[in-house]
């Protein structure tokens, strides 16, 4: 079984325990993404799947495993997701009786990929999973960061590839001037 992982945010530059067997490839499935999750352990407003958001380009890479459970475990460890939240790791084929994302399944078939995993964390704001910040709340939260926390939040936004163009990102760029860094690129195989 060949297994891939889909990414769009910090997994691109910090794979951690996710063992990649290739560089990142452009052309992952377009997914609805937004800067909408305040991390528990980092001062970032992370990109997550957000219902109603405009689909954005993603990347994908081959994983250095042929076992779907191991692939899920690597991603769960990297994202610090407890086993009690299996739905926070997306998988095609679906496991645990979950539904299949047909858009991702079609994308996989076109590339002859047997299985794929991705981070399916929900938005999180004010300590509540599932709480989507408004554009104003997201901007205020970022603008209120100070010192090293502000630098880390800014670095996350700037390192995200420029073509991941979301409504909140345009607001962040306009109000805070945090544009994608000149070196915000991903090493891709062509």
N, C-alpha and C. Protein backbone atom coordinates (compact mmCIF):
# COMPACT_ATOMS: atom_id res chain seq x y z
N UNK A 1 0.85 -1.18 0.00
CA UNK A 1 0.00 0.00 0.00
C UNK A 1 0.89 1.23 0.00
N UNK A 2 0.72 2.13 -1.00
CA UNK A 2 1.47 3.39 -0.96
C UNK A 2 0.58 4.44 -0.29
N UNK A 3 1.18 5.16 0.64
CA UNK A 3 0.43 6.10 1.48
C UNK A 3 1.05 7.48 1.36
N UNK A 4 0.19 8.49 1.23
CA UNK A 4 0.63 9.88 1.15
C UNK A 4 0.03 10.67 2.32
N UNK A 5 0.61 11.84 2.54
CA UNK A 5 0.10 12.78 3.53
C UNK A 5 -0.15 14.10 2.81
N UNK A 6 -1.24 14.77 3.18
CA UNK A 6 -1.59 16.08 2.63
C UNK A 6 -1.23 17.14 3.66
N UNK A 7 -0.68 18.27 3.20
CA UNK A 7 -0.28 19.33 4.13
C UNK A 7 -0.51 20.69 3.51
N UNK A 8 -0.58 21.72 4.40
CA UNK A 8 -0.80 23.10 3.95
C UNK A 8 -0.18 24.12 4.89
N UNK A 9 0.17 23.74 6.08
CA UNK A 9 0.72 24.68 7.07
C UNK A 9 2.08 24.22 7.57
N UNK A 10 2.27 24.26 8.88
CA UNK A 10 3.59 24.01 9.46
C UNK A 10 4.13 22.60 9.24
N UNK A 11 3.29 21.65 8.90
CA UNK A 11 3.79 20.32 8.57
C UNK A 11 4.76 20.39 7.40
N UNK A 12 4.59 21.39 6.53
CA UNK A 12 5.49 21.56 5.38
C UNK A 12 6.92 21.85 5.80
N UNK A 13 7.10 22.61 6.87
CA UNK A 13 8.46 22.97 7.29
C UNK A 13 8.88 22.33 8.61
N UNK A 14 7.94 21.68 9.30
CA UNK A 14 8.27 20.98 10.55
C UNK A 14 7.57 19.62 10.57
N UNK A 15 8.05 18.64 9.80
CA UNK A 15 7.34 17.36 9.78
C UNK A 15 7.48 16.57 11.08
N UNK A 16 8.51 16.87 11.88
CA UNK A 16 8.68 16.17 13.15
C UNK A 16 8.70 14.66 12.96
N UNK A 17 7.86 13.92 13.69
CA UNK A 17 7.88 12.46 13.60
C UNK A 17 7.22 11.87 12.35
N UNK A 18 6.71 12.72 11.49
CA UNK A 18 6.12 12.23 10.24
C UNK A 18 7.27 11.92 9.28
N UNK A 19 7.47 10.63 9.00
CA UNK A 19 8.59 10.20 8.16
C UNK A 19 8.19 10.28 6.69
N UNK A 20 8.79 11.22 5.99
CA UNK A 20 8.50 11.41 4.57
C UNK A 20 9.43 10.57 3.72
N UNK A 21 8.88 10.03 2.62
CA UNK A 21 9.69 9.26 1.67
C UNK A 21 9.91 10.05 0.39
N UNK A 22 9.48 11.30 0.36
CA UNK A 22 9.68 12.17 -0.81
C UNK A 22 9.68 13.61 -0.34
N UNK A 23 10.00 14.50 -1.27
CA UNK A 23 9.82 15.92 -1.02
C UNK A 23 8.33 16.22 -1.13
N UNK A 24 7.95 17.45 -0.80
CA UNK A 24 6.56 17.87 -0.97
C UNK A 24 6.28 18.13 -2.44
N UNK A 25 5.16 17.64 -2.91
CA UNK A 25 4.71 17.85 -4.27
C UNK A 25 3.60 18.89 -4.27
N UNK A 26 3.57 19.82 -5.21
CA UNK A 26 2.39 20.69 -5.34
C UNK A 26 1.25 19.86 -5.92
N UNK A 27 0.08 20.43 -5.95
CA UNK A 27 -1.04 19.74 -6.59
C UNK A 27 -1.82 18.81 -5.69
N UNK A 28 -1.75 19.05 -4.38
CA UNK A 28 -2.63 18.31 -3.49
C UNK A 28 -4.07 18.74 -3.73
N UNK A 29 -5.02 18.07 -3.14
CA UNK A 29 -6.42 18.43 -3.38
C UNK A 29 -6.73 19.81 -2.80
N UNK A 30 -7.48 20.65 -3.51
CA UNK A 30 -7.88 21.94 -2.94
C UNK A 30 -8.81 21.70 -1.74
N UNK A 31 -8.50 22.35 -0.63
CA UNK A 31 -9.29 22.16 0.60
C UNK A 31 -9.67 23.51 1.20
N UNK A 32 -10.82 23.56 1.90
CA UNK A 32 -11.26 24.82 2.52
C UNK A 32 -10.45 25.12 3.78
N UNK A 33 -9.54 26.07 3.68
CA UNK A 33 -8.60 26.37 4.76
C UNK A 33 -8.77 27.79 5.25
N UNK A 34 -8.50 27.98 6.55
CA UNK A 34 -8.47 29.32 7.11
C UNK A 34 -7.58 29.33 8.34
N UNK A 35 -7.03 30.50 8.65
CA UNK A 35 -6.24 30.71 9.87
C UNK A 35 -7.24 30.81 11.02
N UNK A 36 -7.52 29.67 11.67
CA UNK A 36 -8.64 29.66 12.61
C UNK A 36 -8.44 28.77 13.83
N UNK A 37 -7.22 28.35 14.13
CA UNK A 37 -7.01 27.52 15.32
C UNK A 37 -5.88 28.07 16.17
N UNK A 38 -6.22 28.47 17.37
CA UNK A 38 -5.22 28.90 18.34
C UNK A 38 -4.67 27.64 18.98
N UNK A 39 -3.40 27.40 18.79
CA UNK A 39 -2.75 26.22 19.33
C UNK A 39 -2.70 26.29 20.85
N UNK A 40 -2.70 25.12 21.47
CA UNK A 40 -2.59 25.08 22.92
C UNK A 40 -1.16 25.31 23.38
N UNK A 41 -0.19 24.91 22.55
CA UNK A 41 1.19 24.96 22.99
C UNK A 41 2.09 25.90 22.19
N UNK A 42 1.54 26.56 21.18
CA UNK A 42 2.32 27.53 20.43
C UNK A 42 1.47 28.77 20.20
N UNK A 43 2.10 29.92 20.10
CA UNK A 43 1.33 31.17 19.91
C UNK A 43 1.00 31.43 18.45
N UNK A 44 0.40 30.44 17.80
CA UNK A 44 0.09 30.57 16.38
C UNK A 44 -1.41 30.53 16.16
N UNK A 45 -1.82 31.16 15.09
CA UNK A 45 -3.19 31.00 14.61
C UNK A 45 -3.03 30.13 13.37
N UNK A 46 -3.22 28.82 13.58
CA UNK A 46 -2.89 27.83 12.56
C UNK A 46 -3.97 27.70 11.50
N UNK A 47 -3.54 27.29 10.32
CA UNK A 47 -4.45 26.96 9.23
C UNK A 47 -5.11 25.63 9.51
N UNK A 48 -6.43 25.59 9.40
CA UNK A 48 -7.17 24.34 9.57
C UNK A 48 -8.29 24.28 8.54
N UNK A 49 -8.83 23.08 8.37
CA UNK A 49 -10.00 22.92 7.54
C UNK A 49 -11.14 23.72 8.17
N UNK A 50 -11.81 24.52 7.38
CA UNK A 50 -12.86 25.40 7.90
C UNK A 50 -14.04 25.38 6.95
N UNK A 51 -15.15 24.88 7.45
CA UNK A 51 -16.36 24.79 6.63
C UNK A 51 -16.71 26.17 6.06
N UNK A 52 -16.97 26.20 4.79
CA UNK A 52 -17.37 27.45 4.13
C UNK A 52 -16.20 28.28 3.61
N UNK A 53 -14.98 27.91 3.97
CA UNK A 53 -13.81 28.66 3.48
C UNK A 53 -13.58 28.31 2.01
N UNK A 54 -12.91 29.20 1.31
CA UNK A 54 -12.57 28.97 -0.08
C UNK A 54 -11.50 27.89 -0.18
N UNK A 55 -11.67 26.91 -1.07
CA UNK A 55 -10.63 25.88 -1.23
C UNK A 55 -9.30 26.49 -1.66
N UNK A 56 -8.24 26.02 -1.04
CA UNK A 56 -6.88 26.50 -1.30
C UNK A 56 -6.01 25.33 -1.75
N UNK A 57 -4.92 25.63 -2.48
CA UNK A 57 -4.00 24.57 -2.89
C UNK A 57 -3.35 23.92 -1.67
N UNK A 58 -3.03 22.66 -1.81
CA UNK A 58 -2.31 21.93 -0.77
C UNK A 58 -1.13 21.21 -1.41
N UNK A 59 -0.33 20.60 -0.56
CA UNK A 59 0.82 19.81 -0.99
C UNK A 59 0.62 18.38 -0.53
N UNK A 60 1.41 17.49 -1.10
CA UNK A 60 1.37 16.10 -0.65
C UNK A 60 2.76 15.50 -0.76
N UNK A 61 2.99 14.46 0.04
CA UNK A 61 4.26 13.73 0.01
C UNK A 61 3.99 12.27 0.31
N UNK A 62 4.86 11.41 -0.19
CA UNK A 62 4.79 10.00 0.14
C UNK A 62 5.28 9.81 1.57
N UNK A 63 4.65 8.90 2.28
CA UNK A 63 5.10 8.55 3.63
C UNK A 63 6.00 7.32 3.58
N UNK A 64 6.91 7.26 4.54
CA UNK A 64 7.84 6.14 4.64
C UNK A 64 7.22 5.03 5.50
N UNK A 65 6.03 4.60 5.09
CA UNK A 65 5.36 3.47 5.72
C UNK A 65 4.35 2.92 4.73
N UNK A 66 4.04 1.67 4.87
CA UNK A 66 3.01 1.04 4.05
C UNK A 66 1.83 0.60 4.92
N UNK A 67 1.84 1.06 6.17
CA UNK A 67 0.81 0.68 7.14
C UNK A 67 -0.02 1.92 7.50
N UNK A 68 -1.31 1.86 7.21
CA UNK A 68 -2.17 3.02 7.43
C UNK A 68 -2.26 3.40 8.91
N UNK A 69 -2.28 2.43 9.80
CA UNK A 69 -2.33 2.74 11.23
C UNK A 69 -1.04 3.45 11.67
N UNK A 70 0.09 3.03 11.14
CA UNK A 70 1.35 3.70 11.47
C UNK A 70 1.35 5.13 10.92
N UNK A 71 0.82 5.32 9.72
CA UNK A 71 0.73 6.67 9.14
C UNK A 71 -0.12 7.56 10.03
N UNK A 72 -1.25 7.05 10.47
CA UNK A 72 -2.11 7.82 11.37
C UNK A 72 -1.39 8.13 12.68
N UNK A 73 -0.67 7.15 13.21
CA UNK A 73 0.04 7.34 14.48
C UNK A 73 1.11 8.41 14.37
N UNK A 74 1.86 8.41 13.25
CA UNK A 74 2.89 9.45 13.05
C UNK A 74 2.27 10.84 13.06
N UNK A 75 1.17 10.99 12.32
CA UNK A 75 0.53 12.30 12.23
C UNK A 75 -0.10 12.68 13.57
N UNK A 76 -0.70 11.70 14.26
CA UNK A 76 -1.30 11.97 15.57
C UNK A 76 -0.23 12.45 16.55
N UNK A 77 0.96 11.79 16.52
CA UNK A 77 2.05 12.21 17.41
C UNK A 77 2.52 13.61 17.07
N UNK A 78 2.69 13.89 15.80
CA UNK A 78 3.16 15.20 15.37
C UNK A 78 2.20 16.31 15.80
N UNK A 79 0.91 16.05 15.68
CA UNK A 79 -0.12 17.05 16.00
C UNK A 79 -0.54 17.01 17.47
N UNK A 80 0.01 16.06 18.23
CA UNK A 80 -0.31 15.91 19.66
C UNK A 80 -1.82 15.68 19.86
N UNK A 81 -2.36 14.79 19.04
CA UNK A 81 -3.78 14.45 19.11
C UNK A 81 -3.92 13.17 19.94
N UNK A 82 -4.81 13.19 20.91
CA UNK A 82 -5.02 12.01 21.75
C UNK A 82 -5.77 10.93 20.96
N UNK A 83 -5.54 9.67 21.31
CA UNK A 83 -6.25 8.58 20.63
C UNK A 83 -7.78 8.70 20.76
N UNK A 84 -8.24 9.46 21.74
CA UNK A 84 -9.70 9.62 21.91
C UNK A 84 -10.31 10.49 20.82
N UNK A 85 -9.49 11.11 19.96
CA UNK A 85 -9.98 11.96 18.87
C UNK A 85 -9.55 11.42 17.51
N UNK A 86 -9.93 10.19 17.17
CA UNK A 86 -9.49 9.64 15.88
C UNK A 86 -10.02 10.44 14.68
N UNK A 87 -11.10 11.17 14.86
CA UNK A 87 -11.67 11.97 13.77
C UNK A 87 -10.81 13.18 13.42
N UNK A 88 -9.80 13.49 14.24
CA UNK A 88 -8.93 14.62 13.95
C UNK A 88 -7.77 14.24 13.02
N UNK A 89 -7.74 12.99 12.60
CA UNK A 89 -6.83 12.54 11.54
C UNK A 89 -7.73 12.04 10.42
N UNK A 90 -7.71 12.76 9.30
CA UNK A 90 -8.50 12.35 8.15
C UNK A 90 -7.81 11.21 7.42
N UNK A 91 -8.59 10.30 6.88
CA UNK A 91 -8.04 9.13 6.22
C UNK A 91 -8.94 8.71 5.06
N UNK A 92 -8.34 8.43 3.94
CA UNK A 92 -9.01 7.72 2.86
C UNK A 92 -8.08 6.58 2.49
N UNK A 93 -8.53 5.31 2.59
CA UNK A 93 -9.90 4.94 2.91
C UNK A 93 -10.23 5.25 4.36
N UNK A 94 -11.50 5.52 4.60
CA UNK A 94 -11.97 5.84 5.94
C UNK A 94 -11.82 4.62 6.84
N UNK A 95 -11.54 4.91 8.10
CA UNK A 95 -11.52 3.82 9.08
C UNK A 95 -12.47 4.21 10.20
N UNK A 96 -12.70 3.31 11.10
CA UNK A 96 -13.58 3.57 12.24
C UNK A 96 -14.99 3.94 11.79
N UNK A 97 -15.42 3.45 10.63
CA UNK A 97 -16.79 3.68 10.20
C UNK A 97 -17.08 5.08 9.70
N UNK A 98 -16.05 5.90 9.51
CA UNK A 98 -16.26 7.27 9.04
C UNK A 98 -16.56 7.31 7.55
N UNK A 99 -17.08 8.42 7.10
CA UNK A 99 -17.36 8.62 5.68
C UNK A 99 -16.09 8.94 4.93
N UNK A 100 -16.16 8.85 3.62
CA UNK A 100 -15.02 9.15 2.76
C UNK A 100 -15.21 10.50 2.10
N UNK A 101 -14.16 11.31 2.10
CA UNK A 101 -14.20 12.59 1.39
C UNK A 101 -14.04 12.27 -0.09
N UNK A 102 -15.10 12.46 -0.86
CA UNK A 102 -15.10 12.07 -2.27
C UNK A 102 -14.12 12.90 -3.10
N UNK A 103 -13.93 14.18 -2.76
CA UNK A 103 -12.97 15.00 -3.49
C UNK A 103 -11.56 14.48 -3.33
N UNK A 104 -11.20 14.12 -2.10
CA UNK A 104 -9.87 13.58 -1.85
C UNK A 104 -9.74 12.20 -2.49
N UNK A 105 -10.78 11.39 -2.42
CA UNK A 105 -10.74 10.05 -3.03
C UNK A 105 -10.52 10.15 -4.54
N UNK A 106 -11.18 11.08 -5.20
CA UNK A 106 -11.00 11.26 -6.65
C UNK A 106 -9.58 11.73 -6.95
N UNK A 107 -9.06 12.65 -6.14
CA UNK A 107 -7.69 13.14 -6.31
C UNK A 107 -6.70 11.97 -6.19
N UNK A 108 -6.92 11.11 -5.19
CA UNK A 108 -6.05 9.94 -4.98
C UNK A 108 -6.06 9.01 -6.19
N UNK A 109 -7.25 8.70 -6.68
CA UNK A 109 -7.36 7.78 -7.81
C UNK A 109 -6.60 8.31 -9.02
N UNK A 110 -6.67 9.62 -9.24
CA UNK A 110 -5.97 10.21 -10.39
C UNK A 110 -4.45 10.07 -10.26
N UNK A 111 -3.95 9.91 -9.06
CA UNK A 111 -2.51 9.80 -8.82
C UNK A 111 -2.07 8.39 -8.42
N UNK A 112 -3.00 7.46 -8.43
CA UNK A 112 -2.71 6.06 -8.09
C UNK A 112 -2.15 5.94 -6.67
N UNK A 113 -2.75 6.69 -5.76
CA UNK A 113 -2.39 6.63 -4.35
C UNK A 113 -3.37 5.68 -3.66
N UNK A 114 -2.86 4.76 -2.87
CA UNK A 114 -3.73 3.78 -2.21
C UNK A 114 -4.42 4.33 -0.96
N UNK A 115 -3.71 5.17 -0.21
CA UNK A 115 -4.27 5.71 1.03
C UNK A 115 -3.63 7.08 1.29
N UNK A 116 -4.34 7.90 2.03
CA UNK A 116 -3.84 9.23 2.36
C UNK A 116 -4.33 9.63 3.75
N UNK A 117 -3.51 10.40 4.44
CA UNK A 117 -3.88 10.94 5.76
C UNK A 117 -3.67 12.45 5.74
N UNK A 118 -4.40 13.15 6.61
CA UNK A 118 -4.23 14.59 6.75
C UNK A 118 -4.71 15.01 8.12
N UNK A 119 -4.29 16.17 8.56
CA UNK A 119 -4.72 16.72 9.84
C UNK A 119 -6.12 17.29 9.68
N UNK A 120 -7.03 16.87 10.54
CA UNK A 120 -8.43 17.32 10.47
C UNK A 120 -8.85 18.03 11.75
N UNK A 121 -7.89 18.76 12.35
CA UNK A 121 -8.22 19.53 13.55
C UNK A 121 -9.29 20.57 13.21
N UNK A 122 -10.23 20.81 14.12
CA UNK A 122 -11.23 21.84 13.88
C UNK A 122 -10.70 23.22 14.25
N UNK A 123 -11.42 24.27 13.84
CA UNK A 123 -11.06 25.59 14.36
C UNK A 123 -11.07 25.55 15.90
N UNK A 124 -10.34 26.46 16.52
CA UNK A 124 -10.30 26.53 17.99
C UNK A 124 -10.03 27.98 18.37
N UNK A 125 -10.92 28.51 19.19
CA UNK A 125 -10.75 29.89 19.64
C UNK A 125 -11.33 30.01 21.03
N UNK A 126 -10.70 30.84 21.85
CA UNK A 126 -11.11 31.03 23.25
C UNK A 126 -11.19 29.70 23.98
N UNK A 127 -10.25 28.79 23.65
CA UNK A 127 -10.17 27.51 24.34
C UNK A 127 -11.24 26.50 23.95
N UNK A 128 -12.02 26.78 22.91
CA UNK A 128 -13.12 25.89 22.55
C UNK A 128 -12.92 25.31 21.15
N UNK A 129 -12.75 23.99 21.11
CA UNK A 129 -12.67 23.31 19.82
C UNK A 129 -13.99 23.49 19.08
N UNK A 130 -13.89 23.75 17.79
CA UNK A 130 -15.08 23.98 16.98
C UNK A 130 -15.49 25.44 16.90
N UNK A 131 -14.88 26.30 17.73
CA UNK A 131 -15.22 27.73 17.73
C UNK A 131 -14.41 28.43 16.67
N UNK A 132 -15.08 28.95 15.65
CA UNK A 132 -14.44 29.67 14.55
C UNK A 132 -14.34 31.15 14.93
N UNK A 133 -13.13 31.71 14.96
CA UNK A 133 -13.05 33.15 15.26
C UNK A 133 -13.58 33.95 14.07
N UNK A 134 -14.16 35.07 14.37
CA UNK A 134 -14.56 35.98 13.29
C UNK A 134 -13.28 36.59 12.72
N UNK A 135 -13.35 37.21 11.55
CA UNK A 135 -12.15 37.87 11.02
C UNK A 135 -11.60 38.91 11.99
N UNK A 136 -12.47 39.69 12.61
CA UNK A 136 -12.02 40.70 13.57
C UNK A 136 -11.35 40.06 14.77
N UNK A 137 -11.93 38.98 15.31
CA UNK A 137 -11.34 38.29 16.46
C UNK A 137 -9.96 37.72 16.11
N UNK A 138 -9.83 37.12 14.93
CA UNK A 138 -8.55 36.55 14.52
C UNK A 138 -7.48 37.64 14.43
N UNK A 139 -7.83 38.74 13.80
CA UNK A 139 -6.89 39.84 13.65
C UNK A 139 -6.51 40.43 15.02
N UNK A 140 -7.50 40.66 15.87
CA UNK A 140 -7.20 41.20 17.21
C UNK A 140 -6.32 40.25 18.01
N UNK A 141 -6.61 38.95 17.92
CA UNK A 141 -5.81 37.97 18.66
C UNK A 141 -4.35 38.05 18.22
N UNK A 142 -4.12 38.07 16.92
CA UNK A 142 -2.76 38.17 16.40
C UNK A 142 -2.10 39.48 16.82
N UNK A 143 -2.83 40.58 16.72
CA UNK A 143 -2.28 41.90 17.01
C UNK A 143 -1.95 42.07 18.50
N UNK A 144 -2.60 41.29 19.36
CA UNK A 144 -2.36 41.39 20.79
C UNK A 144 -1.15 40.56 21.26
N UNK A 145 -0.59 39.75 20.38
CA UNK A 145 0.60 38.99 20.76
C UNK A 145 1.75 39.98 20.94
N UNK A 146 2.65 39.66 21.86
CA UNK A 146 3.81 40.52 22.11
C UNK A 146 5.08 39.67 22.16
N UNK A 147 6.21 40.33 22.02
CA UNK A 147 7.51 39.68 22.18
C UNK A 147 7.68 38.46 21.30
N UNK A 148 8.21 37.39 21.89
CA UNK A 148 8.47 36.14 21.17
C UNK A 148 7.19 35.51 20.62
N UNK A 149 6.09 35.65 21.36
CA UNK A 149 4.83 35.09 20.89
C UNK A 149 4.39 35.77 19.59
N UNK A 150 4.55 37.07 19.52
CA UNK A 150 4.18 37.78 18.29
C UNK A 150 5.08 37.36 17.13
N UNK A 151 6.38 37.23 17.41
CA UNK A 151 7.30 36.79 16.37
C UNK A 151 6.94 35.40 15.85
N UNK A 152 6.57 34.50 16.75
CA UNK A 152 6.19 33.14 16.34
C UNK A 152 4.91 33.14 15.52
N UNK A 153 3.93 33.94 15.93
CA UNK A 153 2.67 34.03 15.18
C UNK A 153 2.92 34.61 13.79
N UNK A 154 3.74 35.64 13.73
CA UNK A 154 4.06 36.26 12.44
C UNK A 154 4.84 35.29 11.55
N UNK A 155 5.79 34.58 12.15
CA UNK A 155 6.60 33.62 11.39
C UNK A 155 5.71 32.54 10.76
N UNK A 156 4.70 32.07 11.48
CA UNK A 156 3.79 31.05 10.94
C UNK A 156 3.07 31.59 9.70
N UNK A 157 2.53 32.78 9.79
CA UNK A 157 1.81 33.36 8.66
C UNK A 157 2.76 33.57 7.48
N UNK A 158 3.93 34.12 7.74
CA UNK A 158 4.89 34.40 6.67
C UNK A 158 5.43 33.13 6.01
N UNK A 159 5.58 32.04 6.77
CA UNK A 159 6.12 30.79 6.20
C UNK A 159 5.09 30.01 5.40
N UNK A 160 3.83 30.29 5.62
CA UNK A 160 2.79 29.60 4.85
C UNK A 160 2.90 30.03 3.39
N UNK A 161 2.92 29.08 2.46
CA UNK A 161 3.07 29.45 1.05
C UNK A 161 2.06 30.51 0.62
N UNK A 162 2.53 31.48 -0.15
CA UNK A 162 1.71 32.63 -0.55
C UNK A 162 0.45 32.24 -1.29
N UNK A 163 0.49 31.17 -2.04
CA UNK A 163 -0.71 30.79 -2.80
C UNK A 163 -1.80 30.18 -1.93
N UNK A 164 -1.53 29.95 -0.65
CA UNK A 164 -2.59 29.59 0.29
C UNK A 164 -3.22 30.92 0.70
N UNK A 165 -4.08 31.39 -0.18
CA UNK A 165 -4.64 32.74 -0.11
C UNK A 165 -6.04 32.68 0.48
N UNK A 166 -6.15 33.01 1.76
CA UNK A 166 -7.44 32.94 2.45
C UNK A 166 -7.96 34.35 2.74
N UNK A 167 -9.22 34.44 3.10
CA UNK A 167 -9.81 35.73 3.46
C UNK A 167 -9.10 36.33 4.67
N UNK A 168 -8.82 35.51 5.68
CA UNK A 168 -8.15 36.03 6.87
C UNK A 168 -6.72 36.45 6.55
N UNK A 169 -6.06 35.69 5.68
CA UNK A 169 -4.69 36.05 5.32
C UNK A 169 -4.66 37.43 4.66
N UNK A 170 -5.60 37.71 3.78
CA UNK A 170 -5.64 39.02 3.12
C UNK A 170 -5.84 40.12 4.15
N UNK A 171 -6.66 39.87 5.16
CA UNK A 171 -6.87 40.85 6.23
C UNK A 171 -5.59 41.03 7.05
N UNK A 172 -4.93 39.92 7.37
CA UNK A 172 -3.68 39.98 8.14
C UNK A 172 -2.62 40.77 7.37
N UNK A 173 -2.52 40.51 6.07
CA UNK A 173 -1.55 41.24 5.26
C UNK A 173 -1.87 42.73 5.22
N UNK A 174 -3.16 43.06 5.04
CA UNK A 174 -3.56 44.47 4.94
C UNK A 174 -3.37 45.21 6.25
N UNK A 175 -3.69 44.60 7.36
CA UNK A 175 -3.66 45.29 8.65
C UNK A 175 -2.33 45.17 9.39
N UNK A 176 -1.69 44.00 9.31
CA UNK A 176 -0.46 43.79 10.06
C UNK A 176 0.79 43.79 9.18
N UNK A 177 0.61 43.73 7.87
CA UNK A 177 1.75 43.73 6.96
C UNK A 177 2.52 42.43 6.95
N UNK A 178 1.89 41.33 7.39
CA UNK A 178 2.58 40.05 7.45
C UNK A 178 2.38 39.31 6.13
N UNK A 179 3.19 39.65 5.15
CA UNK A 179 3.13 39.01 3.84
C UNK A 179 4.00 37.76 3.84
N UNK A 180 3.76 36.88 2.90
CA UNK A 180 4.57 35.68 2.79
C UNK A 180 6.03 36.08 2.61
N UNK A 181 6.90 35.40 3.31
CA UNK A 181 8.32 35.69 3.22
C UNK A 181 8.83 35.30 1.84
N UNK A 182 9.87 35.97 1.39
CA UNK A 182 10.45 35.67 0.07
C UNK A 182 10.91 34.22 -0.01
N UNK A 183 11.28 33.63 1.14
CA UNK A 183 11.73 32.24 1.14
C UNK A 183 10.62 31.28 1.56
N UNK A 184 9.37 31.76 1.58
CA UNK A 184 8.23 30.89 1.94
C UNK A 184 7.90 30.03 0.74
N UNK A 185 8.65 29.00 0.62
CA UNK A 185 8.44 28.06 -0.48
C UNK A 185 8.59 26.66 0.06
N UNK A 186 8.19 25.73 -0.73
CA UNK A 186 8.28 24.34 -0.35
C UNK A 186 9.16 23.64 -1.38
N UNK A 187 10.05 22.80 -0.93
CA UNK A 187 10.85 22.04 -1.86
C UNK A 187 9.95 21.01 -2.51
N UNK A 188 9.73 21.16 -3.79
CA UNK A 188 8.82 20.29 -4.51
C UNK A 188 9.57 19.49 -5.56
N UNK A 189 9.11 18.28 -5.78
CA UNK A 189 9.65 17.48 -6.88
C UNK A 189 8.82 17.78 -8.10
N UNK A 190 9.42 17.94 -9.22
CA UNK A 190 8.69 18.25 -10.46
C UNK A 190 8.59 17.02 -11.33
